[in-house]
Amino acid sequence: MASVFNLSRVYRFVKDGTPQISDFPDEPPDGINDLEVRVKRFTEIENFTFLGYVLAHECGGAEKPIASFVDLEVPDKEFQALVVKALAAPVNDEQLGDTLLDVGINWEHFVAANNDKMIPGNPLKVSDTVLQEKIDSLDLISEALVREINVRAKVRFHK
């Protein structure tokens, strides 16, 4: 269920008795100017991260590999190496949530700290292509982690 104010397009909902986190929206949020669109995106990243973190901690399951990382490819080599490393290290649900919090906060900060590089008319992108690859990588990793949390929640709360 979205919040009363609906300021973010990211929300927690219940499907078939199981709490889930919505998919992260691909399209930019509405805004009267580029900076407003970008700031709303920060909020969506924060909400997505925090909602996933909370759900993972509610699941409380045992260690398992992060299945959503199996075929995950991200554009930044440093972050791709972290994905490969994570494949070899099973994590419990709390560790999964903590990992999402770490990655998501980094994603949000990479976006928020680079308003000066924002491309006019395309406020979710920055002009530095190396930095954009890092941002895109953190996005893809965060979305994969939330997918994993949603799958684990289905197993944990399925009735």
C-alpha atoms as a PDB file:
ATOM      1  CA  MET A   1       0.000   0.000   0.000  1.00  0.00           C
ATOM      2  CA  ALA A   2       1.365   3.390  -0.946  1.00  0.00           C
ATOM      3  CA  SER A   3       1.603   6.086   1.705  1.00  0.00           C
ATOM      4  CA  VAL A   4      -1.250   8.473   2.359  1.00  0.00           C
ATOM      5  CA  PHE A   5       0.572  11.247   0.492  1.00  0.00           C
ATOM      6  CA  ASN A   6       1.802   9.111  -2.433  1.00  0.00           C
ATOM      7  CA  LEU A   7       4.995  11.158  -2.760  1.00  0.00           C
ATOM      8  CA  SER A   8       6.901   8.109  -3.975  1.00  0.00           C
ATOM      9  CA  ARG A   9       6.015   5.503  -6.580  1.00  0.00           C
ATOM     10  CA  VAL A  10       7.800   2.846  -4.510  1.00  0.00           C
ATOM     11  CA  TYR A  11       5.713   1.026  -1.926  1.00  0.00           C
ATOM     12  CA  ARG A  12       5.098  -2.130   0.066  1.00  0.00           C
ATOM     13  CA  PHE A  13       2.025  -4.229  -0.691  1.00  0.00           C
ATOM     14  CA  VAL A  14       0.563  -7.620   0.157  1.00  0.00           C
ATOM     15  CA  LYS A  15      -0.100 -10.176  -2.558  1.00  0.00           C
ATOM     16  CA  ASP A  16      -1.591 -13.562  -1.709  1.00  0.00           C
ATOM     17  CA  GLY A  17      -0.848 -12.939   1.966  1.00  0.00           C
ATOM     18  CA  THR A  18       2.817 -12.132   1.324  1.00  0.00           C
ATOM     19  CA  PRO A  19       4.410  -8.706   1.825  1.00  0.00           C
ATOM     20  CA  GLN A  20       6.289  -7.506  -1.258  1.00  0.00           C
ATOM     21  CA  ILE A  21       8.138  -4.410  -2.432  1.00  0.00           C
ATOM     22  CA  SER A  22       7.070  -2.796  -5.702  1.00  0.00           C
ATOM     23  CA  ASP A  23       9.363  -2.770  -8.716  1.00  0.00           C
ATOM     24  CA  PHE A  24      11.540   0.307  -9.023  1.00  0.00           C
ATOM     25  CA  PRO A  25      10.062   2.612 -11.684  1.00  0.00           C
ATOM     26  CA  ASP A  26      12.092   2.986 -14.873  1.00  0.00           C
ATOM     27  CA  GLU A  27      10.480   6.238 -15.956  1.00  0.00           C
ATOM     28  CA  PRO A  28      11.396   9.494 -14.220  1.00  0.00           C
ATOM     29  CA  PRO A  29       8.952  10.918 -11.678  1.00  0.00           C
ATOM     30  CA  ASP A  30       6.919  13.999 -12.566  1.00  0.00           C
ATOM     31  CA  GLY A  31       8.380  17.376 -11.699  1.00  0.00           C
ATOM     32  CA  ILE A  32       8.221  21.014 -12.702  1.00  0.00           C
ATOM     33  CA  ASN A  33      11.949  21.114 -13.438  1.00  0.00           C
ATOM     34  CA  ASP A  34      14.957  18.801 -13.748  1.00  0.00           C
ATOM     35  CA  LEU A  35      16.101  19.294 -10.165  1.00  0.00           C
ATOM     36  CA  GLU A  36      12.678  18.406  -8.743  1.00  0.00           C
ATOM     37  CA  VAL A  37      12.634  15.225 -10.841  1.00  0.00           C
ATOM     38  CA  ARG A  38      16.104  14.326  -9.581  1.00  0.00           C
ATOM     39  CA  VAL A  39      15.241  15.010  -5.925  1.00  0.00           C
ATOM     40  CA  LYS A  40      12.095  12.890  -6.200  1.00  0.00           C
ATOM     41  CA  ARG A  41      14.283  10.107  -7.573  1.00  0.00           C
ATOM     42  CA  PHE A  42      16.508  10.306  -4.441  1.00  0.00           C
ATOM     43  CA  THR A  43      13.382   9.740  -2.354  1.00  0.00           C
ATOM     44  CA  GLU A  44      12.352   6.750  -4.453  1.00  0.00           C
ATOM     45  CA  ILE A  45      15.815   5.218  -4.085  1.00  0.00           C
ATOM     46  CA  GLU A  46      15.724   5.750  -0.315  1.00  0.00           C
ATOM     47  CA  ASN A  47      12.215   4.313   0.018  1.00  0.00           C
ATOM     48  CA  PHE A  48      13.012   1.310  -2.170  1.00  0.00           C
ATOM     49  CA  THR A  49      16.130   0.583  -0.131  1.00  0.00           C
ATOM     50  CA  PHE A  50      14.544   1.028   3.266  1.00  0.00           C
ATOM     51  CA  LEU A  51      11.370  -0.930   2.478  1.00  0.00           C
ATOM     52  CA  GLY A  52      13.462  -3.837   1.176  1.00  0.00           C
ATOM     53  CA  TYR A  53      15.742  -3.672   4.211  1.00  0.00           C
ATOM     54  CA  VAL A  54      12.786  -3.871   6.615  1.00  0.00           C
ATOM     55  CA  LEU A  55      11.136  -6.757   4.751  1.00  0.00           C
ATOM     56  CA  ALA A  56      14.391  -8.720   4.661  1.00  0.00           C
ATOM     57  CA  HIS A  57      14.750  -8.362   8.430  1.00  0.00           C
ATOM     58  CA  GLU A  58      11.141  -9.493   8.901  1.00  0.00           C
ATOM     59  CA  CYS A  59      11.847 -12.650   6.893  1.00  0.00           C
ATOM     60  CA  GLY A  60      14.618 -13.850   9.205  1.00  0.00           C
ATOM     61  CA  GLY A  61      15.619 -16.820   7.045  1.00  0.00           C
ATOM     62  CA  ALA A  62      18.744 -18.947   6.896  1.00  0.00           C
ATOM     63  CA  GLU A  63      21.794 -18.485   4.683  1.00  0.00           C
ATOM     64  CA  LYS A  64      21.266 -19.038   0.957  1.00  0.00           C
ATOM     65  CA  PRO A  65      23.033 -17.915  -2.189  1.00  0.00           C
ATOM     66  CA  ILE A  66      21.714 -14.714  -3.775  1.00  0.00           C
ATOM     67  CA  ALA A  67      19.927 -16.356  -6.700  1.00  0.00           C
ATOM     68  CA  SER A  68      19.059 -13.035  -8.356  1.00  0.00           C
ATOM     69  CA  PHE A  69      22.799 -12.446  -8.907  1.00  0.00           C
ATOM     70  CA  VAL A  70      23.328 -15.595 -11.017  1.00  0.00           C
ATOM     71  CA  ASP A  71      22.897 -13.898 -14.401  1.00  0.00           C
ATOM     72  CA  LEU A  72      23.320 -10.303 -13.227  1.00  0.00           C
ATOM     73  CA  GLU A  73      25.667  -8.217 -15.338  1.00  0.00           C
ATOM     74  CA  VAL A  74      26.360  -4.589 -14.503  1.00  0.00           C
ATOM     75  CA  PRO A  75      28.349  -2.069 -16.571  1.00  0.00           C
ATOM     76  CA  ASP A  76      30.926  -1.098 -13.915  1.00  0.00           C
ATOM     77  CA  LYS A  77      33.777  -3.613 -13.545  1.00  0.00           C
ATOM     78  CA  GLU A  78      34.331  -2.885  -9.844  1.00  0.00           C
ATOM     79  CA  PHE A  79      30.702  -3.549  -9.011  1.00  0.00           C
ATOM     80  CA  GLN A  80      30.554  -6.577 -11.305  1.00  0.00           C
ATOM     81  CA  ALA A  81      33.452  -8.073  -9.321  1.00  0.00           C
ATOM     82  CA  LEU A  82      31.445  -7.531  -6.123  1.00  0.00           C
ATOM     83  CA  VAL A  83      28.450  -9.323  -7.657  1.00  0.00           C
ATOM     84  CA  VAL A  84      30.653 -12.293  -8.605  1.00  0.00           C
ATOM     85  CA  LYS A  85      32.182 -12.347  -5.117  1.00  0.00           C
ATOM     86  CA  ALA A  86      28.708 -12.243  -3.524  1.00  0.00           C
ATOM     87  CA  LEU A  87      27.661 -15.298  -5.533  1.00  0.00           C
ATOM     88  CA  ALA A  88      30.161 -17.363  -3.551  1.00  0.00           C
ATOM     89  CA  ALA A  89      28.925 -16.136  -0.156  1.00  0.00           C
ATOM     90  CA  PRO A  90      25.471 -17.309   0.958  1.00  0.00           C
ATOM     91  CA  VAL A  91      23.708 -14.765   3.182  1.00  0.00           C
ATOM     92  CA  ASN A  92      20.815 -14.945   5.605  1.00  0.00           C
ATOM     93  CA  ASP A  93      17.860 -12.610   5.163  1.00  0.00           C
ATOM     94  CA  GLU A  94      19.170 -10.003   7.601  1.00  0.00           C
ATOM     95  CA  GLN A  95      22.529  -9.918   5.793  1.00  0.00           C
ATOM     96  CA  LEU A  96      20.650  -9.592   2.520  1.00  0.00           C
ATOM     97  CA  GLY A  97      18.782  -6.575   3.907  1.00  0.00           C
ATOM     98  CA  ASP A  98      22.003  -5.064   5.255  1.00  0.00           C
ATOM     99  CA  THR A  99      23.615  -5.529   1.834  1.00  0.00           C
ATOM    100  CA  LEU A 100      20.672  -3.780   0.176  1.00  0.00           C
ATOM    101  CA  LEU A 101      20.963  -0.902   2.638  1.00  0.00           C
ATOM    102  CA  ASP A 102      24.689  -0.557   1.877  1.00  0.00           C
ATOM    103  CA  VAL A 103      24.206  -0.674  -1.901  1.00  0.00           C
ATOM    104  CA  GLY A 104      21.067   1.482  -1.908  1.00  0.00           C
ATOM    105  CA  ILE A 105      22.585   4.244   0.201  1.00  0.00           C
ATOM    106  CA  ASN A 106      25.585   4.284  -2.117  1.00  0.00           C
ATOM    107  CA  TRP A 107      23.254   4.458  -5.128  1.00  0.00           C
ATOM    108  CA  GLU A 108      21.338   7.369  -3.622  1.00  0.00           C
ATOM    109  CA  HIS A 109      24.537   9.218  -2.698  1.00  0.00           C
ATOM    110  CA  PHE A 110      26.083   8.699  -6.134  1.00  0.00           C
ATOM    111  CA  VAL A 111      22.956  10.278  -7.612  1.00  0.00           C
ATOM    112  CA  ALA A 112      22.528  13.038  -5.023  1.00  0.00           C
ATOM    113  CA  ALA A 113      26.160  14.152  -4.974  1.00  0.00           C
ATOM    114  CA  ASN A 114      26.341  14.823  -8.692  1.00  0.00           C
ATOM    115  CA  ASN A 115      23.632  17.346  -9.479  1.00  0.00           C
ATOM    116  CA  ASP A 116      26.321  19.500 -11.091  1.00  0.00           C
ATOM    117  CA  LYS A 117      26.796  16.780 -13.749  1.00  0.00           C
ATOM    118  CA  MET A 118      23.072  16.369 -14.461  1.00  0.00           C
ATOM    119  CA  ILE A 119      22.204  16.419 -18.162  1.00  0.00           C
ATOM    120  CA  PRO A 120      19.628  19.155 -18.816  1.00  0.00           C
ATOM    121  CA  GLY A 121      16.412  17.596 -20.075  1.00  0.00           C
ATOM    122  CA  ASN A 122      17.522  14.142 -18.879  1.00  0.00           C
ATOM    123  CA  PRO A 123      17.869  14.679 -15.108  1.00  0.00           C
ATOM    124  CA  LEU A 124      18.366  11.015 -14.186  1.00  0.00           C
ATOM    125  CA  LYS A 125      21.625  10.875 -16.148  1.00  0.00           C
ATOM    126  CA  VAL A 126      25.000  12.524 -15.589  1.00  0.00           C
ATOM    127  CA  SER A 127      27.526  13.686 -18.173  1.00  0.00           C
ATOM    128  CA  ASP A 128      30.391  11.620 -16.697  1.00  0.00           C
ATOM    129  CA  THR A 129      30.021   8.209 -18.392  1.00  0.00           C
ATOM    130  CA  VAL A 130      32.193   6.356 -15.860  1.00  0.00           C
ATOM    131  CA  LEU A 131      30.131   7.749 -13.002  1.00  0.00           C
ATOM    132  CA  GLN A 132      26.912   6.916 -14.868  1.00  0.00           C
ATOM    133  CA  GLU A 133      28.056   3.290 -15.172  1.00  0.00           C
ATOM    134  CA  LYS A 134      28.530   3.171 -11.395  1.00  0.00           C
ATOM    135  CA  ILE A 135      25.065   4.663 -10.817  1.00  0.00           C
ATOM    136  CA  ASP A 136      23.485   2.220 -13.266  1.00  0.00           C
ATOM    137  CA  SER A 137      25.322  -0.684 -11.625  1.00  0.00           C
ATOM    138  CA  LEU A 138      24.130   0.250  -8.144  1.00  0.00           C
ATOM    139  CA  ASP A 139      20.592   0.533  -9.529  1.00  0.00           C
ATOM    140  CA  LEU A 140      20.729  -2.945 -11.104  1.00  0.00           C
ATOM    141  CA  ILE A 141      22.243  -4.502  -7.979  1.00  0.00           C
ATOM    142  CA  SER A 142      19.629  -2.873  -5.716  1.00  0.00           C
ATOM    143  CA  GLU A 143      16.786  -4.071  -7.920  1.00  0.00           C
ATOM    144  CA  ALA A 144      18.233  -7.612  -7.936  1.00  0.00           C
ATOM    145  CA  LEU A 145      18.504  -7.566  -4.145  1.00  0.00           C
ATOM    146  CA  VAL A 146      14.871  -6.475  -3.758  1.00  0.00           C
ATOM    147  CA  ARG A 147      13.783  -9.223  -6.169  1.00  0.00           C
ATOM    148  CA  GLU A 148      15.657 -11.698  -3.978  1.00  0.00           C
ATOM    149  CA  ILE A 149      14.006 -10.306  -0.842  1.00  0.00           C
ATOM    150  CA  ASN A 150      10.569 -10.592  -2.481  1.00  0.00           C
ATOM    151  CA  VAL A 151      11.254 -14.238  -3.387  1.00  0.00           C
ATOM    152  CA  ARG A 152      12.435 -15.024   0.128  1.00  0.00           C
ATOM    153  CA  ALA A 153       9.374 -13.282   1.589  1.00  0.00           C
ATOM    154  CA  LYS A 154       7.131 -15.503  -0.550  1.00  0.00           C
ATOM    155  CA  VAL A 155       8.828 -18.581   0.904  1.00  0.00           C
ATOM    156  CA  ARG A 156       8.754 -17.228   4.472  1.00  0.00           C
ATOM    157  CA  PHE A 157       5.192 -15.895   4.570  1.00  0.00           C
ATOM    158  CA  HIS A 158       3.413 -18.208   2.141  1.00  0.00           C
ATOM    159  CA  LYS A 159       0.352 -19.623   3.802  1.00  0.00           C
END
